C-alpha atoms as a PDB file:
ATOM      1  CA  MET A   1    -140.988 -68.612  86.494  1.00  0.00           C
ATOM      2  CA  SER A   2    -141.659 -67.507  82.937  1.00  0.00           C
ATOM      3  CA  GLY A   3    -138.579 -67.146  80.769  1.00  0.00           C
ATOM      4  CA  LEU A   4    -137.383 -63.567  81.276  1.00  0.00           C
ATOM      5  CA  ALA A   5    -134.219 -62.470  79.567  1.00  0.00           C
ATOM      6  CA  THR A   6    -132.448 -59.499  77.995  1.00  0.00           C
ATOM      7  CA  PRO A   7    -128.888 -58.744  76.901  1.00  0.00           C
ATOM      8  CA  CYS A   8    -127.144 -56.036  78.893  1.00  0.00           C
ATOM      9  CA  PHE A   9    -124.063 -53.897  78.398  1.00  0.00           C
ATOM     10  CA  GLY A  10    -121.204 -55.132  80.528  1.00  0.00           C
ATOM     11  CA  ARG A  11    -117.853 -53.431  80.899  1.00  0.00           C
ATOM     12  CA  LEU A  12    -115.460 -54.163  78.057  1.00  0.00           C
ATOM     13  CA  SER A  13    -111.917 -54.971  79.084  1.00  0.00           C
ATOM     14  CA  THR A  14    -109.479 -52.261  78.065  1.00  0.00           C
ATOM     15  CA  LEU A  15    -106.742 -53.577  75.772  1.00  0.00           C
ATOM     16  CA  ARG A  16    -103.392 -52.090  76.710  1.00  0.00           C
ATOM     17  CA  TRP A  17    -100.217 -52.109  74.652  1.00  0.00           C
ATOM     18  CA  ILE A  18     -97.765 -54.563  76.169  1.00  0.00           C
ATOM     19  CA  LYS A  19     -94.149 -54.350  75.092  1.00  0.00           C
ATOM     20  CA  GLY A  20     -93.017 -57.480  73.319  1.00  0.00           C
ATOM     21  CA  VAL A  21     -96.527 -58.862  72.920  1.00  0.00           C
ATOM     22  CA  ASP A  22     -97.707 -59.912  69.487  1.00  0.00           C
ATOM     23  CA  ILE A  23    -101.179 -58.381  69.093  1.00  0.00           C
ATOM     24  CA  ARG A  24    -103.339 -60.095  66.491  1.00  0.00           C
ATOM     25  CA  GLY A  25    -106.900 -59.472  65.382  1.00  0.00           C
ATOM     26  CA  PHE A  26    -108.290 -62.946  64.782  1.00  0.00           C
ATOM     27  CA  SER A  27    -111.516 -63.710  62.973  1.00  0.00           C
ATOM     28  CA  SER A  28    -114.106 -65.940  64.611  1.00  0.00           C
ATOM     29  CA  SER A  29    -112.536 -69.080  63.131  1.00  0.00           C
ATOM     30  CA  ASP A  30    -109.005 -67.894  63.894  1.00  0.00           C
ATOM     31  CA  CYS A  31    -109.957 -67.306  67.510  1.00  0.00           C
ATOM     32  CA  SER A  32    -111.486 -70.750  67.722  1.00  0.00           C
ATOM     33  CA  ASN A  33    -108.366 -72.412  66.342  1.00  0.00           C
ATOM     34  CA  GLN A  34    -106.103 -70.336  68.558  1.00  0.00           C
ATOM     35  CA  SER A  35    -108.033 -71.361  71.655  1.00  0.00           C
ATOM     36  CA  ARG A  36    -107.773 -75.089  71.022  1.00  0.00           C
ATOM     37  CA  GLY A  37    -104.090 -75.861  71.293  1.00  0.00           C
ATOM     38  CA  GLY A  38    -102.924 -79.333  72.198  1.00  0.00           C
ATOM     39  CA  LEU A  39    -100.983 -78.261  75.300  1.00  0.00           C
ATOM     40  CA  PRO A  40    -102.353 -78.120  78.853  1.00  0.00           C
ATOM     41  CA  ARG A  41    -103.372 -74.535  79.621  1.00  0.00           C
ATOM     42  CA  PHE A  42    -103.224 -72.777  82.994  1.00  0.00           C
ATOM     43  CA  PHE A  43    -104.205 -69.384  84.342  1.00  0.00           C
ATOM     44  CA  SER A  44    -101.654 -66.812  85.500  1.00  0.00           C
ATOM     45  CA  GLU A  45    -102.297 -63.116  86.105  1.00  0.00           C
ATOM     46  CA  GLN A  46     -98.691 -62.413  85.132  1.00  0.00           C
ATOM     47  CA  LEU A  47     -97.245 -63.643  81.832  1.00  0.00           C
ATOM     48  CA  PRO A  48     -93.593 -63.587  80.722  1.00  0.00           C
ATOM     49  CA  SER A  49     -92.812 -60.357  78.883  1.00  0.00           C
ATOM     50  CA  SER A  50     -90.759 -62.020  76.121  1.00  0.00           C
ATOM     51  CA  LYS A  51     -89.204 -65.260  74.892  1.00  0.00           C
ATOM     52  CA  GLY A  52     -86.879 -66.666  77.555  1.00  0.00           C
ATOM     53  CA  ALA A  53     -88.500 -64.729  80.412  1.00  0.00           C
ATOM     54  CA  VAL A  54     -89.617 -66.634  83.505  1.00  0.00           C
ATOM     55  CA  VAL A  55     -92.654 -66.277  85.769  1.00  0.00           C
ATOM     56  CA  ARG A  56     -93.522 -68.050  89.004  1.00  0.00           C
ATOM     57  CA  VAL A  57     -96.649 -70.245  89.204  1.00  0.00           C
ATOM     58  CA  GLN A  58     -98.059 -71.005  92.657  1.00  0.00           C
ATOM     59  CA  GLY A  59    -101.328 -71.833  94.404  1.00  0.00           C
ATOM     60  CA  ASP A  60    -104.123 -73.827  92.806  1.00  0.00           C
ATOM     61  CA  GLU A  61    -102.591 -73.847  89.321  1.00  0.00           C
ATOM     62  CA  PHE A  62     -99.274 -75.138  90.695  1.00  0.00           C
ATOM     63  CA  TRP A  63    -101.176 -77.895  92.527  1.00  0.00           C
ATOM     64  CA  HIS A  64    -103.130 -78.807  89.388  1.00  0.00           C
ATOM     65  CA  MET A  65     -99.993 -78.941  87.268  1.00  0.00           C
ATOM     66  CA  THR A  66     -97.873 -81.063  89.578  1.00  0.00           C
ATOM     67  CA  LYS A  67    -100.266 -83.041  91.778  1.00  0.00           C
ATOM     68  CA  VAL A  68    -103.223 -83.653  89.471  1.00  0.00           C
ATOM     69  CA  LEU A  69    -101.593 -83.841  86.019  1.00  0.00           C
ATOM     70  CA  ARG A  70     -98.170 -84.786  87.456  1.00  0.00           C
ATOM     71  CA  LEU A  71     -96.306 -82.524  85.067  1.00  0.00           C
ATOM     72  CA  THR A  72     -92.601 -82.197  85.667  1.00  0.00           C
ATOM     73  CA  THR A  73     -89.482 -80.327  84.531  1.00  0.00           C
ATOM     74  CA  ASN A  74     -89.257 -79.654  80.751  1.00  0.00           C
ATOM     75  CA  ASP A  75     -92.949 -80.438  80.134  1.00  0.00           C
ATOM     76  CA  ARG A  76     -94.490 -77.926  77.716  1.00  0.00           C
ATOM     77  CA  VAL A  77     -97.613 -76.002  78.756  1.00  0.00           C
ATOM     78  CA  GLU A  78     -99.440 -72.758  77.984  1.00  0.00           C
ATOM     79  CA  LEU A  79    -100.245 -69.857  80.300  1.00  0.00           C
ATOM     80  CA  PHE A  80    -103.117 -67.397  79.722  1.00  0.00           C
ATOM     81  CA  ASN A  81    -104.143 -64.343  81.731  1.00  0.00           C
ATOM     82  CA  GLY A  82    -107.875 -64.196  81.003  1.00  0.00           C
ATOM     83  CA  LYS A  83    -107.470 -60.959  79.012  1.00  0.00           C
ATOM     84  CA  GLY A  84    -106.398 -62.498  75.703  1.00  0.00           C
ATOM     85  CA  GLY A  85    -102.738 -63.047  76.604  1.00  0.00           C
ATOM     86  CA  LEU A  86    -101.334 -66.473  75.726  1.00  0.00           C
ATOM     87  CA  VAL A  87     -97.818 -67.878  75.776  1.00  0.00           C
ATOM     88  CA  GLU A  88     -96.277 -71.310  75.227  1.00  0.00           C
ATOM     89  CA  GLY A  89     -93.417 -72.436  77.418  1.00  0.00           C
ATOM     90  CA  CYS A  90     -92.016 -75.177  79.597  1.00  0.00           C
ATOM     91  CA  ILE A  91     -91.592 -75.943  83.275  1.00  0.00           C
ATOM     92  CA  GLN A  92     -88.066 -74.908  84.127  1.00  0.00           C
ATOM     93  CA  ARG A  93     -87.858 -75.736  87.837  1.00  0.00           C
ATOM     94  CA  ILE A  94     -90.119 -77.146  90.575  1.00  0.00           C
ATOM     95  CA  ASP A  95     -89.828 -76.757  94.328  1.00  0.00           C
ATOM     96  CA  ARG A  96     -92.205 -77.230  97.254  1.00  0.00           C
ATOM     97  CA  ALA A  97     -93.741 -73.762  96.964  1.00  0.00           C
ATOM     98  CA  GLY A  98     -94.236 -73.449  93.213  1.00  0.00           C
ATOM     99  CA  LEU A  99     -92.647 -73.751  89.784  1.00  0.00           C
ATOM    100  CA  ASP A 100     -90.849 -71.551  87.279  1.00  0.00           C
ATOM    101  CA  PHE A 101     -92.350 -71.264  83.791  1.00  0.00           C
ATOM    102  CA  GLU A 102     -90.056 -70.205  80.925  1.00  0.00           C
ATOM    103  CA  ALA A 103     -91.534 -68.720  77.754  1.00  0.00           C
ATOM    104  CA  LEU A 104     -90.498 -70.483  74.549  1.00  0.00           C
ATOM    105  CA  GLU A 105     -91.953 -67.711  72.386  1.00  0.00           C
ATOM    106  CA  SER A 106     -93.092 -64.128  72.704  1.00  0.00           C
ATOM    107  CA  PRO A 107     -96.582 -63.886  74.235  1.00  0.00           C
ATOM    108  CA  LYS A 108     -99.566 -63.231  71.973  1.00  0.00           C
ATOM    109  CA  LEU A 109    -102.522 -60.983  72.676  1.00  0.00           C
ATOM    110  CA  VAL A 110    -105.645 -62.306  70.965  1.00  0.00           C
ATOM    111  CA  LEU A 111    -108.339 -59.691  70.468  1.00  0.00           C
ATOM    112  CA  PRO A 112    -111.833 -60.553  71.716  1.00  0.00           C
ATOM    113  CA  ARG A 113    -114.549 -61.670  69.353  1.00  0.00           C
ATOM    114  CA  ASN A 114    -117.157 -59.177  68.196  1.00  0.00           C
ATOM    115  CA  THR A 115    -119.929 -61.084  69.985  1.00  0.00           C
ATOM    116  CA  GLN A 116    -120.459 -59.291  73.310  1.00  0.00           C
ATOM    117  CA  TRP A 117    -123.693 -60.364  75.019  1.00  0.00           C
ATOM    118  CA  GLN A 118    -124.097 -59.224  78.609  1.00  0.00           C
ATOM    119  CA  VAL A 119    -126.263 -61.360  80.900  1.00  0.00           C
ATOM    120  CA  PHE A 120    -128.246 -59.904  83.820  1.00  0.00           C
ATOM    121  CA  ALA A 121    -130.051 -62.638  85.762  1.00  0.00           C
ATOM    122  CA  ALA A 122    -131.880 -62.683  89.104  1.00  0.00           C
ATOM    123  CA  PHE A 123    -130.461 -65.910  90.496  1.00  0.00           C
ATOM    124  CA  GLY A 124    -129.570 -64.961  94.069  1.00  0.00           C
ATOM    125  CA  THR A 125    -132.169 -67.313  95.543  1.00  0.00           C
ATOM    126  CA  LEU A 126    -131.279 -70.370  93.432  1.00  0.00           C
ATOM    127  CA  LYS A 127    -130.400 -73.429  95.515  1.00  0.00           C
ATOM    128  CA  GLY A 128    -128.577 -76.694  95.038  1.00  0.00           C
ATOM    129  CA  GLY A 129    -125.869 -75.565  92.652  1.00  0.00           C
ATOM    130  CA  ARG A 130    -128.271 -74.078  90.110  1.00  0.00           C
ATOM    131  CA  ALA A 131    -126.516 -70.695  90.196  1.00  0.00           C
ATOM    132  CA  ASP A 132    -123.157 -72.416  89.683  1.00  0.00           C
ATOM    133  CA  TRP A 133    -124.576 -74.240  86.668  1.00  0.00           C
ATOM    134  CA  LEU A 134    -125.996 -71.032  85.181  1.00  0.00           C
ATOM    135  CA  VAL A 135    -122.695 -69.160  85.495  1.00  0.00           C
ATOM    136  CA  GLU A 136    -120.700 -72.135  84.199  1.00  0.00           C
ATOM    137  CA  LYS A 137    -122.836 -72.477  81.062  1.00  0.00           C
ATOM    138  CA  CYS A 138    -122.814 -68.734  80.385  1.00  0.00           C
ATOM    139  CA  THR A 139    -119.022 -68.916  80.456  1.00  0.00           C
ATOM    140  CA  GLU A 140    -118.933 -71.905  78.115  1.00  0.00           C
ATOM    141  CA  LEU A 141    -121.339 -70.278  75.650  1.00  0.00           C
ATOM    142  CA  GLY A 142    -119.190 -67.164  75.406  1.00  0.00           C
ATOM    143  CA  ALA A 143    -121.119 -64.498  77.332  1.00  0.00           C
ATOM    144  CA  HIS A 144    -119.032 -61.388  77.849  1.00  0.00           C
ATOM    145  CA  SER A 145    -120.313 -60.866  81.393  1.00  0.00           C
ATOM    146  CA  VAL A 146    -122.843 -62.039  83.960  1.00  0.00           C
ATOM    147  CA  THR A 147    -124.361 -59.708  86.551  1.00  0.00           C
ATOM    148  CA  PRO A 148    -126.511 -60.937  89.461  1.00  0.00           C
ATOM    149  CA  LEU A 149    -129.698 -58.889  89.226  1.00  0.00           C
ATOM    150  CA  LEU A 150    -131.424 -57.792  92.437  1.00  0.00           C
ATOM    151  CA  THR A 151    -135.222 -57.544  92.222  1.00  0.00           C
ATOM    152  CA  GLU A 152    -138.160 -57.348  94.606  1.00  0.00           C
ATOM    153  CA  ARG A 153    -138.450 -61.152  94.542  1.00  0.00           C
ATOM    154  CA  SER A 154    -134.703 -61.809  94.581  1.00  0.00           C
ATOM    155  CA  PRO A 155    -133.336 -58.940  96.680  1.00  0.00           C
ATOM    156  CA  SER A 156    -129.891 -60.216  97.697  1.00  0.00           C
ATOM    157  CA  ILE A 157    -126.965 -62.536  97.020  1.00  0.00           C
ATOM    158  CA  SER A 158    -124.317 -63.375  99.603  1.00  0.00           C
ATOM    159  CA  ASP A 159    -120.692 -62.306  99.268  1.00  0.00           C
ATOM    160  CA  ASN A 160    -119.632 -65.921  99.774  1.00  0.00           C
ATOM    161  CA  ARG A 161    -121.784 -66.933  96.813  1.00  0.00           C
ATOM    162  CA  VAL A 162    -120.132 -64.319  94.588  1.00  0.00           C
ATOM    163  CA  ASP A 163    -116.656 -65.557  95.602  1.00  0.00           C
ATOM    164  CA  ARG A 164    -117.645 -69.116  94.761  1.00  0.00           C
ATOM    165  CA  LEU A 165    -119.088 -68.100  91.402  1.00  0.00           C
ATOM    166  CA  GLN A 166    -115.803 -66.392  90.512  1.00  0.00           C
ATOM    167  CA  ARG A 167    -114.045 -69.740  90.981  1.00  0.00           C
ATOM    168  CA  VAL A 168    -116.692 -71.369  88.777  1.00  0.00           C
ATOM    169  CA  VAL A 169    -115.961 -68.794  86.063  1.00  0.00           C
ATOM    170  CA  LEU A 170    -112.230 -69.554  86.110  1.00  0.00           C
ATOM    171  CA  ALA A 171    -112.760 -73.319  85.964  1.00  0.00           C
ATOM    172  CA  ALA A 172    -115.229 -72.989  83.077  1.00  0.00           C
ATOM    173  CA  THR A 173    -112.910 -70.586  81.249  1.00  0.00           C
ATOM    174  CA  LYS A 174    -110.128 -73.169  81.318  1.00  0.00           C
ATOM    175  CA  GLN A 175    -112.444 -76.051  80.417  1.00  0.00           C
ATOM    176  CA  SER A 176    -113.952 -74.246  77.419  1.00  0.00           C
ATOM    177  CA  GLN A 177    -110.550 -72.955  76.227  1.00  0.00           C
ATOM    178  CA  ARG A 178    -111.592 -69.305  76.388  1.00  0.00           C
ATOM    179  CA  LEU A 179    -108.761 -66.794  76.296  1.00  0.00           C
ATOM    180  CA  HIS A 180    -110.889 -63.955  77.682  1.00  0.00           C
ATOM    181  CA  GLU A 181    -112.309 -64.672  81.113  1.00  0.00           C
ATOM    182  CA  MET A 182    -116.003 -63.883  81.494  1.00  0.00           C
ATOM    183  CA  ILE A 183    -116.579 -60.891  83.765  1.00  0.00           C
ATOM    184  CA  LEU A 184    -118.628 -61.559  86.899  1.00  0.00           C
ATOM    185  CA  ASN A 185    -119.915 -58.128  87.861  1.00  0.00           C
ATOM    186  CA  PRO A 186    -121.086 -57.036  91.326  1.00  0.00           C
ATOM    187  CA  PRO A 187    -124.841 -57.377  91.953  1.00  0.00           C
ATOM    188  CA  LEU A 188    -126.990 -54.667  90.392  1.00  0.00           C
ATOM    189  CA  ASN A 189    -130.556 -53.548  91.096  1.00  0.00           C
ATOM    190  CA  ILE A 190    -133.210 -52.583  88.556  1.00  0.00           C
ATOM    191  CA  ASP A 191    -132.539 -48.855  88.912  1.00  0.00           C
ATOM    192  CA  GLY A 192    -128.876 -49.469  88.086  1.00  0.00           C
ATOM    193  CA  LEU A 193    -129.845 -51.543  85.060  1.00  0.00           C
ATOM    194  CA  LEU A 194    -132.145 -48.979  83.448  1.00  0.00           C
ATOM    195  CA  PRO A 195    -129.371 -46.665  82.100  1.00  0.00           C
ATOM    196  CA  LEU A 196    -127.746 -49.684  80.440  1.00  0.00           C
ATOM    197  CA  VAL A 197    -131.024 -50.653  78.792  1.00  0.00           C
ATOM    198  CA  SER A 198    -131.558 -47.124  77.471  1.00  0.00           C
ATOM    199  CA  GLN A 199    -128.031 -47.057  75.989  1.00  0.00           C
ATOM    200  CA  SER A 200    -128.163 -50.537  74.448  1.00  0.00           C
ATOM    201  CA  LYS A 201    -129.064 -51.039  70.804  1.00  0.00           C
ATOM    202  CA  LEU A 202    -130.601 -54.394  71.721  1.00  0.00           C
ATOM    203  CA  SER A 203    -132.032 -55.320  75.126  1.00  0.00           C
ATOM    204  CA  PHE A 204    -134.056 -58.517  75.112  1.00  0.00           C
ATOM    205  CA  LEU A 205    -136.542 -59.258  77.897  1.00  0.00           C
ATOM    206  CA  ALA A 206    -138.135 -62.697  77.611  1.00  0.00           C
ATOM    207  CA  THR A 207    -141.704 -62.612  78.819  1.00  0.00           C
ATOM    208  CA  ALA A 208    -144.641 -64.971  78.667  1.00  0.00           C
ATOM    209  CA  GLU A 209    -146.778 -64.763  75.502  1.00  0.00           C
ATOM    210  CA  ALA A 210    -144.429 -62.300  73.790  1.00  0.00           C
ATOM    211  CA  THR A 211    -143.409 -62.538  70.125  1.00  0.00           C
ATOM    212  CA  PRO A 212    -141.038 -65.525  69.739  1.00  0.00           C
ATOM    213  CA  LEU A 213    -137.353 -64.639  69.995  1.00  0.00           C
ATOM    214  CA  VAL A 214    -136.446 -66.104  66.594  1.00  0.00           C
ATOM    215  CA  SER A 215    -139.141 -64.030  64.896  1.00  0.00           C
ATOM    216  CA  THR A 216    -137.977 -60.881  66.668  1.00  0.00           C
ATOM    217  CA  ILE A 217    -134.269 -61.144  65.862  1.00  0.00           C
ATOM    218  CA  ALA A 218    -135.004 -61.843  62.201  1.00  0.00           C
ATOM    219  CA  SER A 219    -135.636 -58.120  61.759  1.00  0.00           C
ATOM    220  CA  TYR A 220    -132.158 -57.158  63.014  1.00  0.00           C
ATOM    221  CA  ARG A 221    -128.921 -57.258  61.039  1.00  0.00           C
ATOM    222  CA  ASN A 222    -125.248 -56.891  61.904  1.00  0.00           C
ATOM    223  CA  GLU A 223    -125.813 -56.631  65.656  1.00  0.00           C
ATOM    224  CA  ALA A 224    -123.633 -58.846  67.831  1.00  0.00           C
ATOM    225  CA  SER A 225    -123.959 -57.296  71.256  1.00  0.00           C
ATOM    226  CA  GLY A 226    -126.605 -56.272  73.728  1.00  0.00           C
ATOM    227  CA  LEU A 227    -128.303 -57.131  76.987  1.00  0.00           C
ATOM    228  CA  ILE A 228    -129.973 -60.297  78.268  1.00  0.00           C
ATOM    229  CA  ILE A 229    -132.181 -59.785  81.339  1.00  0.00           C
ATOM    230  CA  VAL A 230    -133.694 -62.722  83.222  1.00  0.00           C
ATOM    231  CA  GLY A 231    -136.155 -62.420  86.063  1.00  0.00           C
ATOM    232  CA  PRO A 232    -136.336 -64.311  89.361  1.00  0.00           C
ATOM    233  CA  GLU A 233    -138.437 -67.280  90.408  1.00  0.00           C
ATOM    234  CA  GLY A 234    -141.974 -65.887  90.242  1.00  0.00           C
ATOM    235  CA  ASP A 235    -141.015 -63.367  87.539  1.00  0.00           C
ATOM    236  CA  PHE A 236    -140.512 -59.643  87.741  1.00  0.00           C
ATOM    237  CA  THR A 237    -143.279 -57.615  89.324  1.00  0.00           C
ATOM    238  CA  ALA A 238    -145.659 -55.821  86.966  1.00  0.00           C
ATOM    239  CA  LYS A 239    -144.031 -52.509  87.889  1.00  0.00           C
ATOM    240  CA  GLU A 240    -140.533 -53.850  87.101  1.00  0.00           C
ATOM    241  CA  LEU A 241    -141.694 -55.225  83.741  1.00  0.00           C
ATOM    242  CA  ASP A 242    -143.379 -51.966  82.760  1.00  0.00           C
ATOM    243  CA  THR A 243    -140.302 -49.955  83.749  1.00  0.00           C
ATOM    244  CA  LEU A 244    -137.940 -52.142  81.711  1.00  0.00           C
ATOM    245  CA  LYS A 245    -140.180 -52.018  78.639  1.00  0.00           C
ATOM    246  CA  GLU A 246    -140.638 -48.259  78.878  1.00  0.00           C
ATOM    247  CA  THR A 247    -136.852 -47.870  79.038  1.00  0.00           C
ATOM    248  CA  GLY A 248    -136.388 -49.807  75.796  1.00  0.00           C
ATOM    249  CA  ALA A 249    -136.249 -53.523  76.611  1.00  0.00           C
ATOM    250  CA  ILE A 250    -137.731 -55.703  73.856  1.00  0.00           C
ATOM    251  CA  SER A 251    -140.081 -58.456  75.046  1.00  0.00           C
ATOM    252  CA  VAL A 252    -139.423 -61.842  73.451  1.00  0.00           C
ATOM    253  CA  GLY A 253    -140.984 -65.253  73.982  1.00  0.00           C
ATOM    254  CA  LEU A 254    -139.139 -68.497  74.689  1.00  0.00           C
ATOM    255  CA  GLY A 255    -141.942 -70.929  73.967  1.00  0.00           C
ATOM    256  CA  PRO A 256    -145.204 -71.966  75.624  1.00  0.00           C
ATOM    257  CA  LEU A 257    -143.730 -73.654  78.701  1.00  0.00           C
ATOM    258  CA  ARG A 258    -142.796 -72.091  82.038  1.00  0.00           C
ATOM    259  CA  LEU A 259    -138.999 -71.965  82.351  1.00  0.00           C
ATOM    260  CA  ARG A 260    -136.715 -71.794  85.356  1.00  0.00           C
ATOM    261  CA  VAL A 261    -134.333 -68.847  85.647  1.00  0.00           C
ATOM    262  CA  GLU A 262    -131.315 -70.811  84.460  1.00  0.00           C
ATOM    263  CA  THR A 263    -133.195 -72.488  81.596  1.00  0.00           C
ATOM    264  CA  ALA A 264    -134.511 -69.184  80.247  1.00  0.00           C
ATOM    265  CA  THR A 265    -131.063 -67.596  80.502  1.00  0.00           C
ATOM    266  CA  ILE A 266    -129.273 -70.358  78.619  1.00  0.00           C
ATOM    267  CA  ALA A 267    -132.016 -70.696  75.987  1.00  0.00           C
ATOM    268  CA  LEU A 268    -131.834 -66.984  75.190  1.00  0.00           C
ATOM    269  CA  LEU A 269    -128.047 -66.751  75.333  1.00  0.00           C
ATOM    270  CA  ALA A 270    -127.479 -69.845  73.164  1.00  0.00           C
ATOM    271  CA  THR A 271    -129.917 -68.591  70.533  1.00  0.00           C
ATOM    272  CA  LEU A 272    -128.348 -65.136  70.407  1.00  0.00           C
ATOM    273  CA  MET A 273    -124.781 -66.473  70.265  1.00  0.00           C
ATOM    274  CA  LEU A 274    -125.660 -68.746  67.330  1.00  0.00           C
ATOM    275  CA  TRP A 275    -127.510 -65.903  65.615  1.00  0.00           C
ATOM    276  CA  SER A 276    -124.575 -63.543  66.154  1.00  0.00           C
ATOM    277  CA  ASP A 277    -122.136 -66.065  64.676  1.00  0.00           C
ATOM    278  CA  SER A 278    -124.342 -66.479  61.604  1.00  0.00           C
ATOM    279  CA  GLN A 279    -124.503 -62.689  61.179  1.00  0.00           C
ATOM    280  CA  GLN A 280    -120.724 -62.429  61.299  1.00  0.00           C
ATOM    281  CA  LEU A 281    -120.283 -65.209  58.729  1.00  0.00           C
ATOM    282  CA  ALA A 282    -122.863 -63.644  56.415  1.00  0.00           C
ATOM    283  CA  SER A 283    -121.134 -60.249  56.519  1.00  0.00           C
ATOM    284  CA  SER A 284    -117.571 -61.584  56.094  1.00  0.00           C
END
C-alpha cells in the first residue's frame, strides 16, 4: 500500500465544571511535567470530589494495584479519569472485592493541549496484531482520536476487534502518562468522512508521488489540528481518491517507498505532532 494519510476532525471532549476541582490551563511543558509524576497512576471513571473523599476501585485496576504491583494500605497512588482529571491519594482499605482510595488533595482538571490531530485509517483487515500496534502508537504519540475507516478494499471491522482496541487505548494511555484518553470512534465510511474533510482547515491525504509532507506543511503557520486519512492495503480506489481531493484533502508524499497502513499512519502523525509542537513554541 502507498502511504495514504490525512488528519480528520474528531469529537472534542466537553469540559464540564466540577465542584471542588482545580481547573488549570497548562502550557505544553506544564502538561508534560504534570503527566509525569512519580506515583503509580490508575484509571477510574469516578474521582473523589474533594480532599478526604473516598472512591471505590475494583476490576482490572484493583487487580493491577494489589496483585501485580502488590500495593497495600497507606501506599500513595494517583487516579485519573481519562478526561484530564487527576488526584493524588492513598489506599485506605483493601478487601477481597476492591479497595478504597482516599484523596489527599483536591482533584485537578488539566486542560488538553492545543494539538488535536484526528486519525482516520482503514485498518480493519490488518492481521497479527498490526491494528493493535497502530492504535497503541497513535495513543502514545498524542493523537486526539482514531477512527477505523471503511473503504471498498477494507469494508468492515468486527465489534470484537473494536472492543479489544479500546483496551489497547487504555493500556497505552496509562503507559504514556496521558491524562486525556484517546477517543476510539465507531467505524466510519468515506461518505461520512467527506463533511469532516470539507470543514477541516487541514486534511492531509498521503499519496504516492505527491509533494513531500515536510515541503507542504512549511507553507502553513499556527495550525495544530486537522485530519489524517490513511488508506487500506492496496490503497484507495481512484474514485475514492478523487472524491477526497475534490472535497479538500491535501495530497502529501511520505517518501519513495511503498508503506504499510500502520507505517504511513505513524510517519504522518509523528511528523505533524513534532511540527505542531514547534509551531506552539515559536508562537509562545
